[in-house]
Amino acid sequence: MISRSRFLLVGCAAAALLSSAGCRYLHQDMADQPKNRPLSPSDFFPDGRSERPPVENTVARGAPADDDLFAPKDSNAFPLPVNQDLLERGEERYKIFCSPCHGLQGDGNGTIAMRGMKRPPTYHQDRLRQAPNGYFYDNITNGFGAMYGYSAQIPPRDRWAIIAYVRALQLSRNAKVADLPTALRQKLGQAGFTKPGSEPKPETSTTKESTGGRN
């Protein structure tokens, strides 16, 4: 019985030694990668530097288009002409990416909010009506509060299309009759909505809306 136990013990010890010795000769490509750390020297290049300048005439991916459409967060500029095609594109993208939280009317009553998640503030409050266009562009790009950034899903041109549509939503609830085209003013007059005091009153933000986690 004792000899058998000793035999098993010796066998286990021998297996452990063979296993530890074999590890030295295993491929450790993930652990021992042929790479250079930042600013480390390199014998591969004649000047001995591992950090290499970009190839001549190299252009960063997407840089020209993105630079033309970029706007600072406090800028109220709009780099694209606002027309019917842009608004229709913005409406389409808004319904896909924004309406689940912000609602079809921009009032924050989207499907996700109705299911119990944090309700974003309405776009029709004074704070967001007066926010510059760059504020919305930055929020779409980088996210805000509970909202993740959509830079990977929405290209810059579509971000501006969405902003144009959001502005149209805001205007739809706060437009003055005098700012409407003549044809629309006539229709409103025929319907009896142009009497004094008949213009819609602008909505005011509540404490709950102004402290929401999303734009």
N, C-alpha and C. Protein backbone atom coordinates (compact mmCIF):
# COMPACT_ATOMS: atom_id res chain seq x y z
N MET A 1 0.84 -1.20 0.00
CA MET A 1 0.00 0.00 0.00
C MET A 1 0.87 1.24 0.00
N ILE A 2 1.96 1.19 0.83
CA ILE A 2 2.85 2.35 0.92
C ILE A 2 3.60 2.55 -0.38
N SER A 3 4.06 1.45 -0.96
CA SER A 3 4.81 1.55 -2.21
C SER A 3 3.94 2.12 -3.32
N ARG A 4 2.67 1.76 -3.29
CA ARG A 4 1.76 2.27 -4.32
C ARG A 4 1.57 3.77 -4.16
N SER A 5 1.45 4.24 -2.92
CA SER A 5 1.29 5.68 -2.67
C SER A 5 2.53 6.44 -3.09
N ARG A 6 3.70 5.86 -2.79
CA ARG A 6 4.93 6.51 -3.20
C ARG A 6 5.03 6.58 -4.72
N PHE A 7 4.59 5.53 -5.37
CA PHE A 7 4.63 5.51 -6.84
C PHE A 7 3.75 6.61 -7.42
N LEU A 8 2.55 6.79 -6.86
CA LEU A 8 1.66 7.84 -7.34
C LEU A 8 2.24 9.23 -7.08
N LEU A 9 2.85 9.39 -5.91
CA LEU A 9 3.43 10.68 -5.55
C LEU A 9 4.58 11.04 -6.50
N VAL A 10 5.44 10.05 -6.77
CA VAL A 10 6.56 10.29 -7.68
C VAL A 10 6.06 10.59 -9.09
N GLY A 11 4.98 9.88 -9.50
CA GLY A 11 4.43 10.11 -10.82
C GLY A 11 3.86 11.52 -10.96
N CYS A 12 3.18 11.98 -9.93
CA CYS A 12 2.62 13.33 -9.96
C CYS A 12 3.71 14.39 -10.00
N ALA A 13 4.74 14.17 -9.22
CA ALA A 13 5.85 15.13 -9.20
C ALA A 13 6.55 15.20 -10.55
N ALA A 14 6.74 14.02 -11.17
CA ALA A 14 7.39 14.00 -12.48
C ALA A 14 6.54 14.71 -13.52
N ALA A 15 5.20 14.51 -13.47
CA ALA A 15 4.31 15.18 -14.42
C ALA A 15 4.35 16.69 -14.24
N ALA A 16 4.42 17.13 -12.99
CA ALA A 16 4.48 18.57 -12.73
C ALA A 16 5.77 19.17 -13.27
N LEU A 17 6.87 18.46 -13.09
CA LEU A 17 8.14 18.96 -13.60
C LEU A 17 8.15 19.04 -15.11
N LEU A 18 7.61 18.02 -15.75
CA LEU A 18 7.55 18.03 -17.22
C LEU A 18 6.66 19.15 -17.73
N SER A 19 5.56 19.37 -17.02
CA SER A 19 4.63 20.42 -17.43
C SER A 19 5.25 21.80 -17.31
N SER A 20 5.93 22.06 -16.17
CA SER A 20 6.56 23.37 -15.97
C SER A 20 7.70 23.60 -16.96
N ALA A 21 8.43 22.52 -17.27
CA ALA A 21 9.52 22.65 -18.23
C ALA A 21 8.99 22.90 -19.64
N GLY A 22 7.85 22.28 -19.97
CA GLY A 22 7.28 22.45 -21.31
C GLY A 22 6.74 23.84 -21.54
N CYS A 23 6.33 24.55 -20.48
CA CYS A 23 5.77 25.90 -20.64
C CYS A 23 6.79 26.86 -21.23
N ARG A 24 8.08 26.59 -20.98
CA ARG A 24 9.10 27.47 -21.51
C ARG A 24 9.15 27.44 -23.03
N TYR A 25 8.70 26.36 -23.61
CA TYR A 25 8.81 26.18 -25.04
C TYR A 25 7.47 26.35 -25.77
N LEU A 26 6.41 26.71 -25.00
CA LEU A 26 5.12 26.96 -25.65
C LEU A 26 5.15 28.30 -26.37
N HIS A 27 4.31 28.44 -27.38
CA HIS A 27 4.20 29.70 -28.10
C HIS A 27 3.46 30.71 -27.23
N GLN A 28 4.11 31.81 -26.93
CA GLN A 28 3.54 32.87 -26.11
C GLN A 28 3.40 34.15 -26.93
N ASP A 29 2.75 34.01 -28.10
CA ASP A 29 2.67 35.16 -29.00
C ASP A 29 1.88 36.31 -28.39
N MET A 30 0.87 35.99 -27.56
CA MET A 30 0.08 37.06 -26.96
C MET A 30 0.86 37.76 -25.85
N ALA A 31 1.69 36.99 -25.12
CA ALA A 31 2.45 37.56 -24.01
C ALA A 31 3.72 38.25 -24.50
N ASP A 32 4.38 37.65 -25.49
CA ASP A 32 5.64 38.20 -26.00
C ASP A 32 5.43 38.70 -27.42
N GLN A 33 4.80 39.85 -27.54
CA GLN A 33 4.50 40.39 -28.86
C GLN A 33 5.68 41.17 -29.42
N PRO A 34 5.95 41.02 -30.69
CA PRO A 34 7.02 41.81 -31.32
C PRO A 34 6.54 43.23 -31.58
N LYS A 35 6.66 44.10 -30.60
CA LYS A 35 6.13 45.46 -30.72
C LYS A 35 7.10 46.43 -30.07
N ASN A 36 6.86 47.68 -30.33
CA ASN A 36 7.64 48.75 -29.69
C ASN A 36 6.72 49.59 -28.82
N ARG A 37 7.16 49.86 -27.62
CA ARG A 37 6.41 50.74 -26.75
C ARG A 37 6.63 52.19 -27.20
N PRO A 38 5.74 53.11 -26.78
CA PRO A 38 5.89 54.51 -27.22
C PRO A 38 7.26 55.07 -26.90
N LEU A 39 7.89 55.67 -27.92
CA LEU A 39 9.19 56.33 -27.81
C LEU A 39 10.34 55.38 -27.47
N SER A 40 10.11 54.07 -27.61
CA SER A 40 11.20 53.12 -27.38
C SER A 40 12.10 53.07 -28.62
N PRO A 41 13.40 52.76 -28.45
CA PRO A 41 14.30 52.70 -29.61
C PRO A 41 14.00 51.47 -30.46
N SER A 42 14.41 51.55 -31.72
CA SER A 42 14.19 50.44 -32.64
C SER A 42 15.40 50.30 -33.55
N ASP A 43 15.85 49.05 -33.72
CA ASP A 43 16.97 48.78 -34.63
C ASP A 43 16.52 48.59 -36.07
N PHE A 44 15.22 48.60 -36.28
CA PHE A 44 14.71 48.32 -37.62
C PHE A 44 14.90 49.51 -38.56
N PHE A 45 14.76 50.74 -38.00
CA PHE A 45 14.86 51.94 -38.83
C PHE A 45 16.25 52.56 -38.69
N PRO A 46 16.75 53.18 -39.74
CA PRO A 46 18.11 53.75 -39.70
C PRO A 46 18.29 54.81 -38.62
N ASP A 47 17.23 55.60 -38.32
CA ASP A 47 17.39 56.66 -37.32
C ASP A 47 17.16 56.16 -35.90
N GLY A 48 16.84 54.85 -35.74
CA GLY A 48 16.69 54.27 -34.42
C GLY A 48 15.42 54.63 -33.69
N ARG A 49 14.47 55.28 -34.35
CA ARG A 49 13.23 55.68 -33.70
C ARG A 49 12.10 54.72 -34.05
N SER A 50 11.32 54.33 -33.03
CA SER A 50 10.15 53.48 -33.30
C SER A 50 8.95 54.33 -33.71
N GLU A 51 8.87 55.59 -33.24
CA GLU A 51 7.79 56.48 -33.62
C GLU A 51 8.08 57.04 -35.01
N ARG A 52 7.15 56.79 -35.94
CA ARG A 52 7.37 57.19 -37.32
C ARG A 52 6.43 58.32 -37.71
N PRO A 53 6.88 59.27 -38.48
CA PRO A 53 5.97 60.31 -38.99
C PRO A 53 5.01 59.70 -40.01
N PRO A 54 3.82 60.31 -40.20
CA PRO A 54 2.89 59.76 -41.19
C PRO A 54 3.46 59.86 -42.59
N VAL A 55 3.03 58.98 -43.45
CA VAL A 55 3.47 58.98 -44.84
C VAL A 55 3.03 60.29 -45.49
N GLU A 56 3.83 60.79 -46.39
CA GLU A 56 3.53 62.06 -47.05
C GLU A 56 2.16 62.01 -47.74
N ASN A 57 1.41 63.09 -47.61
CA ASN A 57 0.07 63.25 -48.19
C ASN A 57 -0.98 62.37 -47.49
N THR A 58 -0.65 61.85 -46.31
CA THR A 58 -1.64 61.08 -45.56
C THR A 58 -2.75 61.99 -45.05
N VAL A 59 -3.99 61.54 -45.19
CA VAL A 59 -5.15 62.29 -44.71
C VAL A 59 -5.91 61.41 -43.73
N ALA A 60 -6.23 61.97 -42.57
CA ALA A 60 -6.98 61.19 -41.58
C ALA A 60 -8.34 60.80 -42.13
N ARG A 61 -8.80 59.62 -41.75
CA ARG A 61 -10.05 59.09 -42.28
C ARG A 61 -11.22 60.00 -41.92
N GLY A 62 -11.94 60.46 -42.93
CA GLY A 62 -13.13 61.27 -42.72
C GLY A 62 -12.86 62.70 -42.29
N ALA A 63 -11.60 63.11 -42.23
CA ALA A 63 -11.29 64.43 -41.68
C ALA A 63 -11.86 65.59 -42.51
N PRO A 64 -11.71 65.62 -43.85
CA PRO A 64 -12.20 66.79 -44.58
C PRO A 64 -13.69 67.05 -44.39
N ALA A 65 -14.51 66.01 -44.52
CA ALA A 65 -15.95 66.18 -44.39
C ALA A 65 -16.33 66.56 -42.97
N ASP A 66 -15.71 65.92 -41.98
CA ASP A 66 -16.03 66.20 -40.59
C ASP A 66 -15.62 67.61 -40.20
N ASP A 67 -14.47 68.06 -40.70
CA ASP A 67 -14.00 69.41 -40.37
C ASP A 67 -14.94 70.47 -40.93
N ASP A 68 -15.44 70.26 -42.12
CA ASP A 68 -16.33 71.24 -42.74
C ASP A 68 -17.65 71.35 -41.98
N LEU A 69 -18.08 70.26 -41.35
CA LEU A 69 -19.38 70.26 -40.68
C LEU A 69 -19.27 70.42 -39.17
N PHE A 70 -18.07 70.56 -38.65
CA PHE A 70 -17.91 70.71 -37.21
C PHE A 70 -18.30 72.11 -36.76
N ALA A 71 -18.89 72.19 -35.57
CA ALA A 71 -19.24 73.48 -34.98
C ALA A 71 -18.95 73.42 -33.49
N PRO A 72 -18.37 74.46 -32.91
CA PRO A 72 -18.15 74.49 -31.46
C PRO A 72 -19.46 74.41 -30.70
N LYS A 73 -19.37 74.01 -29.46
CA LYS A 73 -20.56 73.80 -28.65
C LYS A 73 -21.38 75.07 -28.46
N ASP A 74 -20.72 76.21 -28.44
CA ASP A 74 -21.43 77.47 -28.21
C ASP A 74 -21.76 78.21 -29.50
N SER A 75 -21.55 77.55 -30.65
CA SER A 75 -21.80 78.19 -31.93
C SER A 75 -23.25 78.01 -32.36
N ASN A 76 -23.80 79.04 -32.95
CA ASN A 76 -25.17 78.95 -33.47
C ASN A 76 -25.18 78.88 -34.99
N ALA A 77 -24.00 78.61 -35.57
CA ALA A 77 -23.90 78.50 -37.02
C ALA A 77 -24.57 77.21 -37.50
N PHE A 78 -24.95 77.20 -38.78
CA PHE A 78 -25.53 76.00 -39.39
C PHE A 78 -24.82 75.81 -40.73
N PRO A 79 -23.96 74.79 -40.84
CA PRO A 79 -23.09 74.66 -42.01
C PRO A 79 -23.76 74.14 -43.27
N LEU A 80 -25.03 73.79 -43.22
CA LEU A 80 -25.73 73.24 -44.38
C LEU A 80 -26.93 74.11 -44.73
N PRO A 81 -27.28 74.19 -46.00
CA PRO A 81 -28.51 74.91 -46.37
C PRO A 81 -29.74 74.13 -45.90
N VAL A 82 -30.64 74.80 -45.23
CA VAL A 82 -31.84 74.14 -44.72
C VAL A 82 -32.92 74.18 -45.80
N ASN A 83 -33.28 73.02 -46.28
CA ASN A 83 -34.31 72.91 -47.31
C ASN A 83 -35.21 71.72 -46.99
N GLN A 84 -36.17 71.47 -47.87
CA GLN A 84 -37.12 70.39 -47.62
C GLN A 84 -36.46 69.04 -47.57
N ASP A 85 -35.47 68.81 -48.45
CA ASP A 85 -34.79 67.51 -48.45
C ASP A 85 -34.06 67.28 -47.13
N LEU A 86 -33.42 68.31 -46.60
CA LEU A 86 -32.69 68.15 -45.34
C LEU A 86 -33.66 67.87 -44.19
N LEU A 87 -34.80 68.57 -44.18
CA LEU A 87 -35.78 68.35 -43.12
C LEU A 87 -36.38 66.94 -43.19
N GLU A 88 -36.64 66.46 -44.39
CA GLU A 88 -37.19 65.11 -44.53
C GLU A 88 -36.17 64.07 -44.10
N ARG A 89 -34.90 64.28 -44.44
CA ARG A 89 -33.85 63.37 -43.98
C ARG A 89 -33.74 63.42 -42.46
N GLY A 90 -33.80 64.63 -41.90
CA GLY A 90 -33.74 64.76 -40.46
C GLY A 90 -34.90 64.09 -39.76
N GLU A 91 -36.08 64.20 -40.33
CA GLU A 91 -37.25 63.54 -39.74
C GLU A 91 -37.07 62.02 -39.74
N GLU A 92 -36.57 61.49 -40.84
CA GLU A 92 -36.35 60.05 -40.95
C GLU A 92 -35.34 59.57 -39.91
N ARG A 93 -34.19 60.27 -39.82
CA ARG A 93 -33.15 59.88 -38.85
C ARG A 93 -33.62 60.10 -37.41
N TYR A 94 -34.37 61.16 -37.18
CA TYR A 94 -34.88 61.43 -35.83
C TYR A 94 -35.80 60.30 -35.37
N LYS A 95 -36.68 59.86 -36.24
CA LYS A 95 -37.61 58.80 -35.85
C LYS A 95 -36.87 57.49 -35.56
N ILE A 96 -35.74 57.27 -36.23
CA ILE A 96 -34.98 56.03 -36.02
C ILE A 96 -34.17 56.10 -34.72
N PHE A 97 -33.42 57.17 -34.54
CA PHE A 97 -32.45 57.22 -33.45
C PHE A 97 -32.93 57.99 -32.22
N CYS A 98 -33.80 58.95 -32.38
CA CYS A 98 -34.13 59.87 -31.28
C CYS A 98 -35.50 59.63 -30.67
N SER A 99 -36.49 59.29 -31.50
CA SER A 99 -37.86 59.20 -31.00
C SER A 99 -38.07 58.14 -29.92
N PRO A 100 -37.30 57.03 -29.87
CA PRO A 100 -37.53 56.07 -28.78
C PRO A 100 -37.43 56.70 -27.40
N CYS A 101 -36.59 57.72 -27.24
CA CYS A 101 -36.47 58.41 -25.95
C CYS A 101 -37.19 59.75 -25.95
N HIS A 102 -36.92 60.55 -26.98
CA HIS A 102 -37.40 61.93 -27.00
C HIS A 102 -38.84 62.06 -27.50
N GLY A 103 -39.41 60.99 -28.05
CA GLY A 103 -40.79 61.04 -28.53
C GLY A 103 -40.89 61.63 -29.92
N LEU A 104 -41.95 61.31 -30.62
CA LEU A 104 -42.13 61.78 -31.99
C LEU A 104 -42.29 63.30 -32.04
N GLN A 105 -42.80 63.89 -30.99
CA GLN A 105 -43.02 65.34 -30.96
C GLN A 105 -41.92 66.09 -30.22
N GLY A 106 -40.90 65.37 -29.74
CA GLY A 106 -39.82 66.02 -29.04
C GLY A 106 -40.16 66.42 -27.62
N ASP A 107 -41.21 65.84 -27.05
CA ASP A 107 -41.64 66.22 -25.71
C ASP A 107 -41.11 65.29 -24.62
N GLY A 108 -40.25 64.33 -24.99
CA GLY A 108 -39.67 63.43 -24.00
C GLY A 108 -40.52 62.23 -23.65
N ASN A 109 -41.63 62.07 -24.35
CA ASN A 109 -42.53 60.95 -24.05
C ASN A 109 -42.32 59.79 -25.03
N GLY A 110 -41.07 59.37 -25.16
CA GLY A 110 -40.78 58.25 -26.04
C GLY A 110 -41.12 56.92 -25.41
N THR A 111 -41.05 55.86 -26.20
CA THR A 111 -41.40 54.52 -25.74
C THR A 111 -40.55 54.09 -24.56
N ILE A 112 -39.27 54.39 -24.60
CA ILE A 112 -38.38 53.98 -23.51
C ILE A 112 -38.74 54.70 -22.22
N ALA A 113 -39.04 56.00 -22.32
CA ALA A 113 -39.43 56.74 -21.13
C ALA A 113 -40.76 56.24 -20.58
N MET A 114 -41.68 55.86 -21.45
CA MET A 114 -42.97 55.35 -21.01
C MET A 114 -42.85 54.00 -20.33
N ARG A 115 -41.74 53.31 -20.56
CA ARG A 115 -41.52 52.00 -19.92
C ARG A 115 -40.73 52.11 -18.62
N GLY A 116 -40.53 53.33 -18.15
CA GLY A 116 -39.96 53.48 -16.82
C GLY A 116 -38.56 54.03 -16.75
N MET A 117 -37.88 54.18 -17.89
CA MET A 117 -36.53 54.73 -17.85
C MET A 117 -36.58 56.26 -17.71
N LYS A 118 -35.45 56.86 -17.43
CA LYS A 118 -35.40 58.30 -17.16
C LYS A 118 -35.92 59.09 -18.34
N ARG A 119 -36.82 60.01 -18.06
CA ARG A 119 -37.45 60.79 -19.11
C ARG A 119 -36.58 61.98 -19.49
N PRO A 120 -36.23 62.13 -20.76
CA PRO A 120 -35.45 63.29 -21.17
C PRO A 120 -36.31 64.54 -21.15
N PRO A 121 -35.70 65.72 -21.04
CA PRO A 121 -36.48 66.95 -21.04
C PRO A 121 -37.10 67.23 -22.40
N THR A 122 -38.17 67.96 -22.40
CA THR A 122 -38.81 68.32 -23.65
C THR A 122 -37.97 69.33 -24.42
N TYR A 123 -37.95 69.22 -25.73
CA TYR A 123 -37.25 70.19 -26.57
C TYR A 123 -37.97 71.54 -26.59
N HIS A 124 -39.19 71.58 -26.06
CA HIS A 124 -40.01 72.79 -26.16
C HIS A 124 -39.87 73.70 -24.94
N GLN A 125 -38.96 73.37 -24.05
CA GLN A 125 -38.71 74.25 -22.92
C GLN A 125 -37.77 75.38 -23.34
N ASP A 126 -37.79 76.48 -22.57
CA ASP A 126 -37.01 77.66 -22.93
C ASP A 126 -35.52 77.36 -23.04
N ARG A 127 -34.98 76.56 -22.13
CA ARG A 127 -33.54 76.30 -22.12
C ARG A 127 -33.07 75.69 -23.42
N LEU A 128 -33.81 74.73 -23.96
CA LEU A 128 -33.38 74.06 -25.19
C LEU A 128 -33.81 74.82 -26.44
N ARG A 129 -34.86 75.62 -26.35
CA ARG A 129 -35.19 76.47 -27.49
C ARG A 129 -34.11 77.52 -27.72
N GLN A 130 -33.48 77.96 -26.64
CA GLN A 130 -32.46 79.01 -26.74
C GLN A 130 -31.05 78.44 -26.85
N ALA A 131 -30.89 77.13 -26.74
CA ALA A 131 -29.55 76.53 -26.83
C ALA A 131 -29.02 76.67 -28.25
N PRO A 132 -27.72 76.92 -28.42
CA PRO A 132 -27.15 77.06 -29.76
C PRO A 132 -27.13 75.73 -30.51
N ASN A 133 -27.00 75.81 -31.82
CA ASN A 133 -26.98 74.60 -32.63
C ASN A 133 -25.81 73.70 -32.28
N GLY A 134 -24.66 74.31 -31.94
CA GLY A 134 -23.49 73.51 -31.59
C GLY A 134 -23.71 72.67 -30.35
N TYR A 135 -24.59 73.10 -29.47
CA TYR A 135 -24.91 72.32 -28.26
C TYR A 135 -25.55 70.99 -28.65
N PHE A 136 -26.49 71.03 -29.58
CA PHE A 136 -27.14 69.80 -30.02
C PHE A 136 -26.15 68.92 -30.79
N TYR A 137 -25.32 69.54 -31.61
CA TYR A 137 -24.34 68.76 -32.37
C TYR A 137 -23.38 68.04 -31.43
N ASP A 138 -22.93 68.72 -30.39
CA ASP A 138 -22.02 68.11 -29.42
C ASP A 138 -22.70 66.97 -28.67
N ASN A 139 -23.96 67.16 -28.30
CA ASN A 139 -24.67 66.10 -27.57
C ASN A 139 -24.88 64.87 -28.42
N ILE A 140 -25.23 65.06 -29.68
CA ILE A 140 -25.40 63.91 -30.58
C ILE A 140 -24.07 63.19 -30.77
N THR A 141 -23.01 63.95 -30.89
CA THR A 141 -21.69 63.37 -31.16
C THR A 141 -21.12 62.65 -29.94
N ASN A 142 -21.15 63.32 -28.79
CA ASN A 142 -20.46 62.81 -27.60
C ASN A 142 -21.38 62.28 -26.52
N GLY A 143 -22.69 62.49 -26.64
CA GLY A 143 -23.61 62.06 -25.61
C GLY A 143 -23.76 63.11 -24.53
N PHE A 144 -24.77 62.91 -23.67
CA PHE A 144 -25.01 63.85 -22.57
C PHE A 144 -25.82 63.13 -21.50
N GLY A 145 -25.33 63.14 -20.27
CA GLY A 145 -26.05 62.48 -19.19
C GLY A 145 -26.21 60.99 -19.46
N ALA A 146 -27.44 60.51 -19.44
CA ALA A 146 -27.72 59.09 -19.68
C ALA A 146 -27.68 58.73 -21.15
N MET A 147 -27.57 59.71 -22.01
CA MET A 147 -27.57 59.47 -23.45
C MET A 147 -26.16 59.19 -23.95
N TYR A 148 -26.00 58.09 -24.68
CA TYR A 148 -24.71 57.76 -25.27
C TYR A 148 -24.49 58.59 -26.53
N GLY A 149 -23.21 58.74 -26.90
CA GLY A 149 -22.89 59.43 -28.14
C GLY A 149 -23.27 58.59 -29.36
N TYR A 150 -23.65 59.27 -30.43
CA TYR A 150 -24.07 58.59 -31.66
C TYR A 150 -23.12 58.88 -32.82
N SER A 151 -21.87 59.18 -32.52
CA SER A 151 -20.93 59.50 -33.58
C SER A 151 -20.69 58.31 -34.51
N ALA A 152 -20.79 57.09 -33.99
CA ALA A 152 -20.57 55.90 -34.81
C ALA A 152 -21.78 55.56 -35.66
N GLN A 153 -22.98 55.94 -35.21
CA GLN A 153 -24.20 55.59 -35.91
C GLN A 153 -24.71 56.69 -36.85
N ILE A 154 -24.43 57.95 -36.51
CA ILE A 154 -24.99 59.06 -37.28
C ILE A 154 -23.84 59.90 -37.82
N PRO A 155 -23.65 59.95 -39.14
CA PRO A 155 -22.59 60.78 -39.72
C PRO A 155 -22.89 62.27 -39.52
N PRO A 156 -21.88 63.13 -39.64
CA PRO A 156 -22.08 64.56 -39.36
C PRO A 156 -23.21 65.20 -40.14
N ARG A 157 -23.35 64.89 -41.41
CA ARG A 157 -24.42 65.52 -42.21
C ARG A 157 -25.79 65.16 -41.65
N ASP A 158 -25.97 63.91 -41.23
CA ASP A 158 -27.25 63.49 -40.68
C ASP A 158 -27.49 64.12 -39.31
N ARG A 159 -26.43 64.39 -38.55
CA ARG A 159 -26.61 65.08 -37.27
C ARG A 159 -27.21 66.46 -37.48
N TRP A 160 -26.72 67.16 -38.50
CA TRP A 160 -27.27 68.48 -38.79
C TRP A 160 -28.69 68.38 -39.33
N ALA A 161 -28.98 67.32 -40.07
CA ALA A 161 -30.35 67.13 -40.54
C ALA A 161 -31.29 66.93 -39.35
N ILE A 162 -30.85 66.17 -38.36
CA ILE A 162 -31.66 65.96 -37.15
C ILE A 162 -31.84 67.28 -36.40
N ILE A 163 -30.78 68.07 -36.30
CA ILE A 163 -30.88 69.35 -35.60
C ILE A 163 -31.88 70.26 -36.31
N ALA A 164 -31.83 70.27 -37.63
CA ALA A 164 -32.79 71.08 -38.39
C ALA A 164 -34.22 70.64 -38.10
N TYR A 165 -34.43 69.33 -38.01
CA TYR A 165 -35.78 68.83 -37.74
C TYR A 165 -36.21 69.15 -36.31
N VAL A 166 -35.27 69.07 -35.35
CA VAL A 166 -35.59 69.44 -33.97
C VAL A 166 -35.99 70.91 -33.90
N ARG A 167 -35.29 71.77 -34.63
CA ARG A 167 -35.65 73.18 -34.67
C ARG A 167 -37.05 73.35 -35.27
N ALA A 168 -37.37 72.55 -36.28
CA ALA A 168 -38.71 72.62 -36.86
C ALA A 168 -39.77 72.19 -35.84
N LEU A 169 -39.46 71.17 -35.04
CA LEU A 169 -40.39 70.75 -33.99
C LEU A 169 -40.60 71.87 -32.97
N GLN A 170 -39.49 72.51 -32.59
CA GLN A 170 -39.60 73.60 -31.62
C GLN A 170 -40.42 74.75 -32.19
N LEU A 171 -40.20 75.07 -33.45
CA LEU A 171 -40.93 76.17 -34.08
C LEU A 171 -42.41 75.85 -34.23
N SER A 172 -42.73 74.56 -34.39
CA SER A 172 -44.13 74.18 -34.60
C SER A 172 -45.00 74.51 -33.40
N ARG A 173 -44.40 74.58 -32.22
CA ARG A 173 -45.19 74.89 -31.02
C ARG A 173 -45.02 76.33 -30.55
N ASN A 174 -44.14 77.07 -31.20
CA ASN A 174 -43.87 78.42 -30.73
C ASN A 174 -43.85 79.45 -31.86
N ALA A 175 -44.39 79.09 -33.00
CA ALA A 175 -44.40 80.02 -34.13
C ALA A 175 -45.49 81.08 -33.93
N LYS A 176 -45.19 82.29 -34.37
CA LYS A 176 -46.17 83.36 -34.37
C LYS A 176 -46.92 83.38 -35.69
N VAL A 177 -48.17 83.75 -35.63
CA VAL A 177 -48.98 83.78 -36.84
C VAL A 177 -48.37 84.73 -37.87
N ALA A 178 -47.79 85.83 -37.40
CA ALA A 178 -47.21 86.80 -38.33
C ALA A 178 -46.02 86.24 -39.09
N ASP A 179 -45.38 85.18 -38.55
CA ASP A 179 -44.21 84.59 -39.21
C ASP A 179 -44.58 83.53 -40.24
N LEU A 180 -45.85 83.17 -40.31
CA LEU A 180 -46.28 82.13 -41.22
C LEU A 180 -46.46 82.67 -42.64
N PRO A 181 -46.36 81.80 -43.65
CA PRO A 181 -46.64 82.23 -45.02
C PRO A 181 -48.08 82.72 -45.16
N THR A 182 -48.32 83.51 -46.16
CA THR A 182 -49.64 84.11 -46.36
C THR A 182 -50.73 83.06 -46.49
N ALA A 183 -50.44 81.99 -47.22
CA ALA A 183 -51.46 80.95 -47.42
C ALA A 183 -51.87 80.32 -46.11
N LEU A 184 -50.91 80.07 -45.22
CA LEU A 184 -51.24 79.47 -43.93
C LEU A 184 -51.99 80.45 -43.04
N ARG A 185 -51.61 81.72 -43.09
CA ARG A 185 -52.33 82.71 -42.29
C ARG A 185 -53.79 82.81 -42.73
N GLN A 186 -54.02 82.69 -44.03
CA GLN A 186 -55.40 82.74 -44.52
C GLN A 186 -56.21 81.54 -44.04
N LYS A 187 -55.55 80.38 -44.03
CA LYS A 187 -56.26 79.18 -43.54
C LYS A 187 -56.59 79.32 -42.06
N LEU A 188 -55.64 79.85 -41.29
CA LEU A 188 -55.90 80.05 -39.87
C LEU A 188 -57.01 81.07 -39.66
N GLY A 189 -57.02 82.12 -40.50
CA GLY A 189 -58.08 83.11 -40.38
C GLY A 189 -59.45 82.53 -40.68
N GLN A 190 -59.51 81.66 -41.68
CA GLN A 190 -60.77 81.01 -42.02
C GLN A 190 -61.24 80.06 -40.91
N ALA A 191 -60.27 79.49 -40.20
CA ALA A 191 -60.62 78.57 -39.10
C ALA A 191 -60.87 79.31 -37.79
N GLY A 192 -60.62 80.63 -37.78
CA GLY A 192 -60.90 81.41 -36.58
C GLY A 192 -59.81 81.37 -35.54
N PHE A 193 -58.55 81.10 -35.94
CA PHE A 193 -57.46 81.02 -34.98
C PHE A 193 -56.57 82.26 -34.94
N THR A 194 -56.94 83.32 -35.63
CA THR A 194 -56.09 84.50 -35.65
C THR A 194 -56.67 85.65 -34.85
N LYS A 195 -57.61 85.36 -33.98
CA LYS A 195 -58.17 86.38 -33.12
C LYS A 195 -57.18 86.70 -32.01
N PRO A 196 -57.26 87.86 -31.38
CA PRO A 196 -56.34 88.19 -30.29
C PRO A 196 -56.37 87.14 -29.19
N GLY A 197 -55.19 86.75 -28.79
CA GLY A 197 -55.08 85.74 -27.74
C GLY A 197 -55.18 84.32 -28.23
N SER A 198 -55.32 84.14 -29.55
CA SER A 198 -55.47 82.78 -30.07
C SER A 198 -54.15 82.12 -30.40
N GLU A 199 -53.05 82.89 -30.39
CA GLU A 199 -51.74 82.29 -30.70
C GLU A 199 -51.32 81.38 -29.56
N PRO A 200 -50.65 80.28 -29.87
CA PRO A 200 -50.23 79.35 -28.81
C PRO A 200 -49.22 80.00 -27.89
N LYS A 201 -49.38 79.76 -26.62
CA LYS A 201 -48.45 80.28 -25.63
C LYS A 201 -47.24 79.35 -25.52
N PRO A 202 -46.05 79.92 -25.43
CA PRO A 202 -44.85 79.07 -25.31
C PRO A 202 -44.87 78.29 -24.02
N GLU A 203 -44.38 77.06 -24.09
CA GLU A 203 -44.33 76.22 -22.92
C GLU A 203 -43.17 76.64 -22.03
N THR A 204 -43.33 76.49 -20.75
CA THR A 204 -42.26 76.77 -19.80
C THR A 204 -41.75 75.47 -19.23
N SER A 205 -40.47 75.45 -18.93
CA SER A 205 -39.86 74.22 -18.43
C SER A 205 -40.14 74.07 -16.94
N THR A 206 -40.38 72.86 -16.52
CA THR A 206 -40.56 72.55 -15.12
C THR A 206 -39.23 72.14 -14.52
N THR A 207 -39.20 72.07 -13.22
CA THR A 207 -37.96 71.66 -12.56
C THR A 207 -37.55 70.27 -12.97
N LYS A 208 -38.52 69.41 -13.12
CA LYS A 208 -38.23 68.03 -13.50
C LYS A 208 -37.63 67.97 -14.89
N GLU A 209 -38.17 68.81 -15.84
CA GLU A 209 -37.68 68.77 -17.20
C GLU A 209 -36.30 69.39 -17.31
N SER A 210 -36.09 70.49 -16.57
CA SER A 210 -34.82 71.20 -16.71
C SER A 210 -33.66 70.45 -16.09
N THR A 211 -33.96 69.48 -15.23
CA THR A 211 -32.88 68.70 -14.61
C THR A 211 -32.77 67.31 -15.21
N GLY A 212 -33.39 67.10 -16.37
CA GLY A 212 -33.34 65.78 -16.99
C GLY A 212 -31.93 65.43 -17.41
N GLY A 213 -31.67 64.13 -17.58
CA GLY A 213 -30.31 63.66 -17.87
C GLY A 213 -29.96 63.67 -19.33
N ARG A 214 -30.91 64.05 -20.20
CA ARG A 214 -30.60 64.03 -21.62
C ARG A 214 -30.93 65.37 -22.22
N ASN A 215 -30.38 65.59 -23.43
CA ASN A 215 -30.64 66.89 -24.07
C ASN A 215 -32.04 66.92 -24.64
